[in-house]
Structure formats: C-alpha cells, structure tokens
Amino acid sequence: MSSQTSGAKPHGDGKIADNVFKAVVYACGILILVALAAVTLFLLFRAWPLIGGDQGANKAAIESFTGGGAHNFWQYVGPLVFGTVLVAALALVIAFFIAVGIALFISHYAPKRVATALNYVVDLLAAIPSVIYGLWGGLVLVPAIHPFWDWVATYLGWIPIFAGPAANPSRTVASVAVVLAVMILPIITSMSRDIFVQTPRLQQEAALALGATKWEMIKLAVLPFGRSGIVSASMLGLGRALGETMAVLMILSPGLKYSVKILQASQNQTIAANIAAQYPEANALGVSTLIGTGLVLFVITFAVNALARAVTRKAVA
C-alpha cells in the first residue's frame, strides 16, 4: 500500500508542474500581446495632436522641419518612407547572397576547425552595437569607398540608380546600404547556418548516391529544406535595417526627395534617423509629428513581418 502511495506522488507532482508550466507559457504569450498593444496605444496617444489637433499648428511644425518643403503630414512622411524602404532593400540585396554563401561554406565546405572559428566570428559580429558600425562607416568606409563609387558613376551612370556625379565624401544611400548590409549579414548568416546543418542526412546522401555533385546536392536537398528559414532570416535582417538609427544618422547626408540616385548626397532620409535628428529641437507638436512618423514605421515593420510569415508558411507547405 505504501509503495502505491509513493508511486502516485511523482505523478501528482508532475501534473502540478505541467499545469504551472502551462500557465507560465500562457502568461508569456499574453504578455507579448499586451506589450504590442501598449506600444500601439502609446504611439496613437502621443501622435493624437497630429491626427485630431489644430491642423494649422501642425502645418507650421511640419514646415519648420522641412524649411517649407512640405505642408502636411503625408508630404513630410512620404519621402521618409521611400528613403527607409530604399536603404533597407539595398542593404538586404547586398547582404543576402553573401550571407547565404557564408552559411553554406560554414555548414558544408569549411573544415571543422575553420567552421568553429567562423561561427564565433559571425556570432561576435551580430553583437556589435550599431554605433560602432556607424563610427566605422563614417570614419573609414566613407573616405575609402569614394573611388569605387566614382568608377561606378563613370561607367554605369547610364543606369538611373548609379547616376553621377558621385558625392565626395560619400555620405550617400549607397554607403549607408553597405554599412547596413554588414550589420545584418551576421543575422542572416547565423540563422541560415543553423537551418542548413539540420538538413536530414539521408536526403543529402540520397542525392549524392544518385550521382549529384556537392553543389547539386545543396541545390536539391539543402536549399529547399532551408527555404523558410532563409526567408525568416532575411526578414529579420530587413527589420533591423528598417529601424536602424545611429549608423544612418552618423553617415547619411539627409534629403527629402523621391530619388533613386544612391551615389548622390542629400537625396533621401530614413524615418528612424530623422526622428533622432529632429527630436532634440522639436516642440510639443513637433514631437507628435515625429511620433506619427514612428507610427508609420511601426506599421511598415508589422506589415513586413506579416508578409514574412505568409511567405514562410507557403514555403513550409
């Protein structure tokens, strides 16, 4: 009888532990929703003077930001949205293929010791603060990269995006995109690497047994398996590029234009960098205007994440 009683205690304790763990997990999930709702309400509350306040005063605040170049909120935020998306998209295009190549090298080509060392380096790069990247970009990259941008403008200037003359110093969208690409490179590399190493061994060996070369095996087995992970990693990197502030602020010469001339200065600006630049001197209505642009960035980031989930779900299916 005592043995039966002692045997029932672990079962009861385990059930209690399961219930406690379930409650904790539910609370964590709800906490995420509460935090998201709190951020949304904060942005709406602080931006309300812009939405429902004195529009004449709001117009004056916007004109003070732009020197009379914009007269309402959408004229003001439109070029900022364009510049934010342009810079982030260019950074993703530059980083994506390099990151996937590094991840494949680490997971399938590099010797074990080299792969281990590269893993540490990639993880270390992901932990570097953005202000360090901004200092490197402004003090090292901008002076050094001008000859290359000048060559691009000379020989590829017939393409509108590379139209010259290339600015000197190169405080342009192109230089910022390179710095952001370096920033998001370790994020995409790390997540892609972790997905590639989980590719079922049997699938890889089956492809090789059928006569596929190593690259063909990667194309047939590894990349399809890791497609959803690559998309998720890319969207995570894109999210960081969309919201990056300090690196852009320290490098880019700002402008409020709908321009794709990435080699010329004073063409574009991003939402996050504009908030950081304008906030110290903004009055109450100016702060509401800036928070309104932050709300727009919040919506864009949310839309990007929703799109990534839809693409990932389709890839898994």
Protein backbone atom coordinates (compact mmCIF):
# COMPACT_ATOMS: atom_id res chain seq x y z
CA MET A 1 0.00 0.00 0.00
CA SER A 2 2.82 2.35 0.89
CA SER A 3 4.56 1.55 -2.36
CA GLN A 4 1.42 2.51 -4.32
CA THR A 5 1.15 5.77 -2.40
CA SER A 6 4.78 6.64 -3.01
CA GLY A 7 4.36 5.82 -6.68
CA ALA A 8 1.39 8.19 -7.01
CA LYS A 9 3.22 11.22 -5.65
CA PRO A 10 5.55 11.74 -8.62
CA HIS A 11 2.55 11.52 -10.95
CA GLY A 12 0.68 14.16 -8.97
CA ASP A 13 3.75 16.39 -8.74
CA GLY A 14 4.30 16.05 -12.47
CA LYS A 15 0.71 17.07 -13.19
CA ILE A 16 1.04 20.13 -10.97
CA ALA A 17 4.31 21.06 -12.70
CA ASP A 18 2.63 20.69 -16.12
CA ASN A 19 -0.20 22.98 -15.07
CA VAL A 20 2.20 25.56 -13.66
CA PHE A 21 4.34 25.45 -16.82
CA LYS A 22 1.22 25.76 -18.99
CA ALA A 23 0.10 28.82 -17.01
CA VAL A 24 3.56 30.41 -17.31
CA VAL A 25 3.64 29.82 -21.07
CA TYR A 26 0.16 31.28 -21.50
CA ALA A 27 1.17 34.31 -19.43
CA CYS A 28 4.27 34.84 -21.60
CA GLY A 29 2.18 34.66 -24.77
CA ILE A 30 -0.35 37.13 -23.41
CA LEU A 31 2.48 39.40 -22.25
CA ILE A 32 3.69 39.71 -25.85
CA LEU A 33 0.21 40.80 -26.96
CA VAL A 34 -0.04 43.25 -24.07
CA ALA A 35 3.35 44.75 -24.94
CA LEU A 36 2.37 45.10 -28.60
CA ALA A 37 -0.94 46.72 -27.66
CA ALA A 38 0.84 49.06 -25.22
CA VAL A 39 3.29 50.22 -27.89
CA THR A 40 0.44 50.78 -30.35
CA LEU A 41 -1.62 52.76 -27.83
CA PHE A 42 1.41 54.82 -26.81
CA LEU A 43 2.13 55.78 -30.42
CA LEU A 44 -1.52 56.61 -31.11
CA PHE A 45 -1.86 58.64 -27.90
CA ARG A 46 1.32 60.66 -28.46
CA ALA A 47 0.54 61.18 -32.16
CA TRP A 48 -3.08 62.23 -31.49
CA PRO A 49 -2.34 66.01 -31.59
CA LEU A 50 -1.14 65.42 -35.14
CA ILE A 51 -4.26 63.43 -36.06
CA GLY A 52 -7.01 65.35 -34.29
CA GLY A 53 -5.38 68.61 -33.17
CA ASP A 54 -5.02 72.07 -34.70
CA GLN A 55 -4.03 71.39 -38.29
CA GLY A 56 -2.73 74.93 -38.77
CA ALA A 57 -0.26 74.47 -35.94
CA ASN A 58 0.68 71.06 -37.28
CA LYS A 59 1.32 72.57 -40.70
CA ALA A 60 3.65 75.14 -39.12
CA ALA A 61 5.55 72.40 -37.25
CA ILE A 62 5.99 70.37 -40.44
CA GLU A 63 7.13 73.42 -42.40
CA SER A 64 9.68 74.17 -39.70
CA PHE A 65 11.11 70.67 -40.13
CA THR A 66 11.34 70.89 -43.90
CA GLY A 67 12.04 74.58 -44.47
CA GLY A 68 8.68 74.96 -46.20
CA GLY A 69 9.23 71.94 -48.45
CA ALA A 70 6.23 70.04 -47.05
CA HIS A 71 2.91 71.43 -45.86
CA ASN A 72 1.10 68.37 -44.49
CA PHE A 73 1.99 65.12 -42.80
CA TRP A 74 1.85 62.90 -45.87
CA GLN A 75 4.07 65.23 -47.89
CA TYR A 76 6.52 65.01 -44.99
CA VAL A 77 6.41 61.29 -44.28
CA GLY A 78 6.22 60.11 -47.90
CA PRO A 79 9.88 60.77 -48.80
CA LEU A 80 10.92 59.34 -45.42
CA VAL A 81 9.08 56.10 -46.11
CA PHE A 82 10.63 55.96 -49.58
CA GLY A 83 14.13 56.52 -48.18
CA THR A 84 13.64 53.97 -45.40
CA VAL A 85 12.47 51.25 -47.77
CA LEU A 86 15.16 52.09 -50.35
CA VAL A 87 18.04 51.91 -47.87
CA ALA A 88 16.77 48.71 -46.23
CA ALA A 89 16.07 46.99 -49.55
CA LEU A 90 19.54 47.81 -50.91
CA ALA A 91 21.14 46.52 -47.70
CA LEU A 92 19.18 43.27 -47.96
CA VAL A 93 20.12 42.79 -51.62
CA ILE A 94 23.81 43.28 -50.80
CA ALA A 95 23.79 41.07 -47.70
CA PHE A 96 21.51 38.22 -48.77
CA PHE A 97 23.66 36.30 -51.24
CA ILE A 98 26.87 36.85 -49.28
CA ALA A 99 25.20 35.65 -46.07
CA VAL A 100 23.79 32.51 -47.69
CA GLY A 101 27.18 31.79 -49.25
CA ILE A 102 28.95 32.14 -45.90
CA ALA A 103 26.34 29.93 -44.22
CA LEU A 104 26.78 27.20 -46.85
CA PHE A 105 30.57 27.42 -46.54
CA ILE A 106 30.38 27.00 -42.77
CA SER A 107 27.87 24.16 -42.88
CA HIS A 108 29.10 22.12 -45.87
CA TYR A 109 32.55 23.16 -47.08
CA ALA A 110 34.75 24.50 -44.29
CA PRO A 111 36.92 22.13 -42.18
CA LYS A 112 35.61 21.66 -38.66
CA ARG A 113 38.16 23.97 -37.01
CA VAL A 114 37.62 26.72 -39.58
CA ALA A 115 33.85 26.37 -39.28
CA THR A 116 34.04 26.64 -35.49
CA ALA A 117 36.17 29.78 -35.71
CA LEU A 118 33.81 31.33 -38.28
CA ASN A 119 30.83 30.54 -36.08
CA TYR A 120 32.40 32.52 -33.24
CA VAL A 121 33.22 35.42 -35.58
CA VAL A 122 29.69 35.55 -37.01
CA ASP A 123 28.11 35.49 -33.56
CA LEU A 124 30.52 38.20 -32.40
CA LEU A 125 29.67 40.46 -35.35
CA ALA A 126 25.96 40.13 -34.52
CA ALA A 127 26.64 41.50 -31.02
CA ILE A 128 28.49 44.66 -32.09
CA PRO A 129 26.45 47.83 -31.29
CA SER A 130 25.18 49.85 -34.22
CA VAL A 131 27.07 52.95 -33.10
CA ILE A 132 30.35 51.06 -33.68
CA TYR A 133 29.25 50.28 -37.23
CA GLY A 134 28.32 53.93 -37.65
CA LEU A 135 31.75 55.10 -36.50
CA TRP A 136 33.45 52.62 -38.82
CA GLY A 137 31.25 53.67 -41.71
CA GLY A 138 31.73 57.41 -41.16
CA LEU A 139 35.46 57.41 -40.39
CA VAL A 140 36.76 54.52 -42.50
CA LEU A 141 34.33 53.42 -45.21
CA VAL A 142 33.11 56.82 -46.43
CA PRO A 143 36.59 58.17 -47.32
CA ALA A 144 37.83 54.85 -48.68
CA ILE A 145 34.90 53.93 -50.89
CA HIS A 146 34.63 57.13 -52.93
CA PRO A 147 36.99 55.96 -55.75
CA PHE A 148 34.82 52.87 -56.23
CA TRP A 149 31.57 54.87 -56.31
CA ASP A 150 33.21 57.31 -58.73
CA TRP A 151 34.14 54.40 -61.02
CA VAL A 152 30.56 53.09 -60.80
CA ALA A 153 29.14 56.52 -61.67
CA THR A 154 31.57 56.88 -64.60
CA TYR A 155 30.92 53.52 -66.24
CA LEU A 156 27.43 52.64 -65.04
CA GLY A 157 25.99 56.14 -64.76
CA TRP A 158 23.64 55.43 -67.67
CA ILE A 159 21.62 53.35 -65.18
CA PRO A 160 19.43 55.82 -63.23
CA ILE A 161 20.27 54.33 -59.84
CA PHE A 162 24.00 54.89 -60.46
CA ALA A 163 23.68 58.35 -61.97
CA GLY A 164 26.56 60.65 -61.06
CA PRO A 165 28.42 62.61 -60.10
CA ALA A 166 29.35 60.53 -57.07
CA ALA A 167 29.40 62.65 -53.93
CA ASN A 168 32.69 63.23 -52.14
CA PRO A 169 32.64 62.47 -49.24
CA SER A 170 30.35 59.54 -49.99
CA ARG A 171 27.69 60.23 -47.37
CA THR A 172 25.10 58.69 -49.60
CA VAL A 173 22.45 55.98 -49.62
CA ALA A 174 24.91 53.60 -51.28
CA SER A 175 27.43 53.92 -48.45
CA VAL A 176 24.73 53.56 -45.81
CA ALA A 177 23.39 50.46 -47.58
CA VAL A 178 26.85 48.87 -47.43
CA VAL A 179 27.13 49.56 -43.70
CA LEU A 180 23.63 48.19 -43.02
CA ALA A 181 24.44 45.15 -45.13
CA VAL A 182 27.45 44.46 -42.89
CA MET A 183 25.20 44.90 -39.85
CA ILE A 184 22.51 42.43 -40.97
CA LEU A 185 24.97 39.99 -42.55
CA PRO A 186 25.69 38.05 -39.32
CA ILE A 187 21.97 37.78 -38.51
CA ILE A 188 21.09 36.19 -41.84
CA THR A 189 24.25 34.06 -41.81
CA SER A 190 23.69 32.71 -38.30
CA MET A 191 20.07 31.72 -38.84
CA SER A 192 20.71 30.24 -42.30
CA ARG A 193 23.67 28.24 -40.98
CA ASP A 194 21.56 26.76 -38.19
CA ILE A 195 18.92 25.71 -40.73
CA PHE A 196 21.40 24.22 -43.21
CA VAL A 197 23.08 21.98 -40.62
CA GLN A 198 19.67 20.49 -39.78
CA THR A 199 19.10 19.21 -43.30
CA PRO A 200 18.34 15.46 -42.99
CA ARG A 201 21.48 13.48 -43.65
CA LEU A 202 19.56 10.83 -45.59
CA GLN A 203 18.35 13.38 -48.13
CA GLN A 204 21.90 14.62 -48.74
CA GLU A 205 23.32 11.11 -49.03
CA ALA A 206 20.49 10.08 -51.35
CA ALA A 207 21.27 12.97 -53.70
CA LEU A 208 24.97 12.08 -53.71
CA ALA A 209 24.18 8.40 -54.25
CA LEU A 210 22.19 9.31 -57.36
CA GLY A 211 25.28 10.94 -58.83
CA ALA A 212 24.75 14.58 -57.84
CA THR A 213 27.77 16.75 -57.24
CA LYS A 214 28.08 18.56 -53.92
CA TRP A 215 26.64 21.76 -55.36
CA GLU A 216 23.78 19.82 -56.98
CA MET A 217 23.11 18.12 -53.62
CA ILE A 218 22.96 21.53 -51.95
CA LYS A 219 20.62 22.84 -54.65
CA LEU A 220 18.34 19.79 -54.50
CA ALA A 221 18.34 18.99 -50.78
CA VAL A 222 19.78 21.74 -48.59
CA LEU A 223 18.34 24.93 -50.11
CA PRO A 224 14.75 23.62 -50.46
CA PHE A 225 14.86 22.37 -46.87
CA GLY A 226 16.12 25.72 -45.59
CA ARG A 227 13.91 27.96 -47.74
CA SER A 228 11.56 29.01 -44.95
CA GLY A 229 14.48 29.63 -42.59
CA ILE A 230 16.26 31.77 -45.18
CA VAL A 231 13.12 33.86 -45.67
CA SER A 232 12.71 34.31 -41.92
CA ALA A 233 16.37 35.28 -41.51
CA SER A 234 16.13 37.78 -44.37
CA MET A 235 13.01 39.40 -42.94
CA LEU A 236 14.64 39.64 -39.52
CA GLY A 237 17.63 41.38 -41.10
CA LEU A 238 15.31 43.63 -43.09
CA GLY A 239 13.51 44.57 -39.89
CA ARG A 240 16.76 45.68 -38.30
CA ALA A 241 17.71 47.66 -41.40
CA LEU A 242 14.30 49.40 -41.46
CA GLY A 243 14.66 50.55 -37.87
CA GLU A 244 18.36 51.36 -37.77
CA THR A 245 19.06 54.83 -36.40
CA MET A 246 22.59 55.63 -35.28
CA ALA A 247 24.55 54.24 -38.24
CA VAL A 248 22.31 56.08 -40.71
CA LEU A 249 22.41 59.29 -38.68
CA MET A 250 26.22 59.24 -38.49
CA ILE A 251 26.79 58.60 -42.20
CA LEU A 252 23.97 59.83 -44.41
CA SER A 253 23.69 63.39 -45.71
CA PRO A 254 19.88 63.75 -45.50
CA GLY A 255 17.37 64.92 -48.06
CA LEU A 256 13.60 64.69 -48.59
CA LYS A 257 13.29 63.55 -52.20
CA TYR A 258 11.78 60.64 -54.08
CA SER A 259 15.15 59.86 -55.62
CA VAL A 260 16.87 56.63 -56.58
CA LYS A 261 20.24 58.33 -57.19
CA ILE A 262 22.06 56.42 -54.50
CA LEU A 263 25.51 57.87 -55.31
CA GLN A 264 24.49 61.50 -54.77
CA ALA A 265 24.26 63.22 -51.40
CA SER A 266 21.20 64.89 -49.82
CA GLN A 267 18.70 62.73 -51.65
CA ASN A 268 16.98 60.57 -49.02
CA GLN A 269 16.47 60.15 -45.29
CA THR A 270 15.06 57.34 -43.13
CA ILE A 271 12.29 57.66 -40.57
CA ALA A 272 14.34 56.48 -37.60
CA ALA A 273 17.32 58.73 -38.34
CA ASN A 274 15.03 61.69 -38.96
CA ILE A 275 13.38 61.23 -35.56
CA ALA A 276 16.77 61.13 -33.84
CA ALA A 277 17.96 64.22 -35.73
CA GLN A 278 14.85 66.37 -35.22
CA TYR A 279 13.73 65.33 -31.73
CA PRO A 280 16.12 67.45 -29.61
CA GLU A 281 14.85 70.75 -31.08
CA ALA A 282 11.19 69.81 -31.58
CA ASN A 283 8.35 71.46 -29.64
CA ALA A 284 5.30 69.55 -28.39
CA LEU A 285 3.58 69.48 -31.80
CA GLY A 286 6.88 68.63 -33.46
CA VAL A 287 7.30 65.66 -31.13
CA SER A 288 3.78 64.49 -32.04
CA THR A 289 4.69 64.75 -35.71
CA LEU A 290 7.84 62.72 -35.21
CA ILE A 291 5.96 60.09 -33.22
CA GLY A 292 3.45 59.99 -36.06
CA THR A 293 6.26 59.08 -38.44
CA GLY A 294 7.33 56.45 -35.91
CA LEU A 295 3.80 55.03 -36.04
CA VAL A 296 4.12 54.76 -39.81
CA LEU A 297 7.43 52.90 -39.38
CA PHE A 298 5.76 50.61 -36.84
CA VAL A 299 3.04 49.75 -39.37
CA ILE A 300 5.63 49.12 -42.10
CA THR A 301 7.63 46.79 -39.85
CA PHE A 302 4.47 44.96 -38.81
CA ALA A 303 3.49 44.54 -42.47
CA VAL A 304 6.95 43.20 -43.35
CA ASN A 305 6.74 40.64 -40.53
CA ALA A 306 3.24 39.59 -41.60
CA LEU A 307 4.44 39.17 -45.19
CA ALA A 308 7.41 37.11 -43.97
CA ARG A 309 5.10 34.80 -42.02
CA ALA A 310 2.88 34.33 -45.05
CA VAL A 311 5.85 33.53 -47.30
CA THR A 312 7.34 31.19 -44.69
CA ARG A 313 4.03 29.38 -44.25
CA LYS A 314 3.77 28.93 -48.02
CA ALA A 315 7.34 27.66 -48.23
CA VAL A 316 6.73 25.12 -45.46
CA ALA A 317 3.51 23.98 -47.11
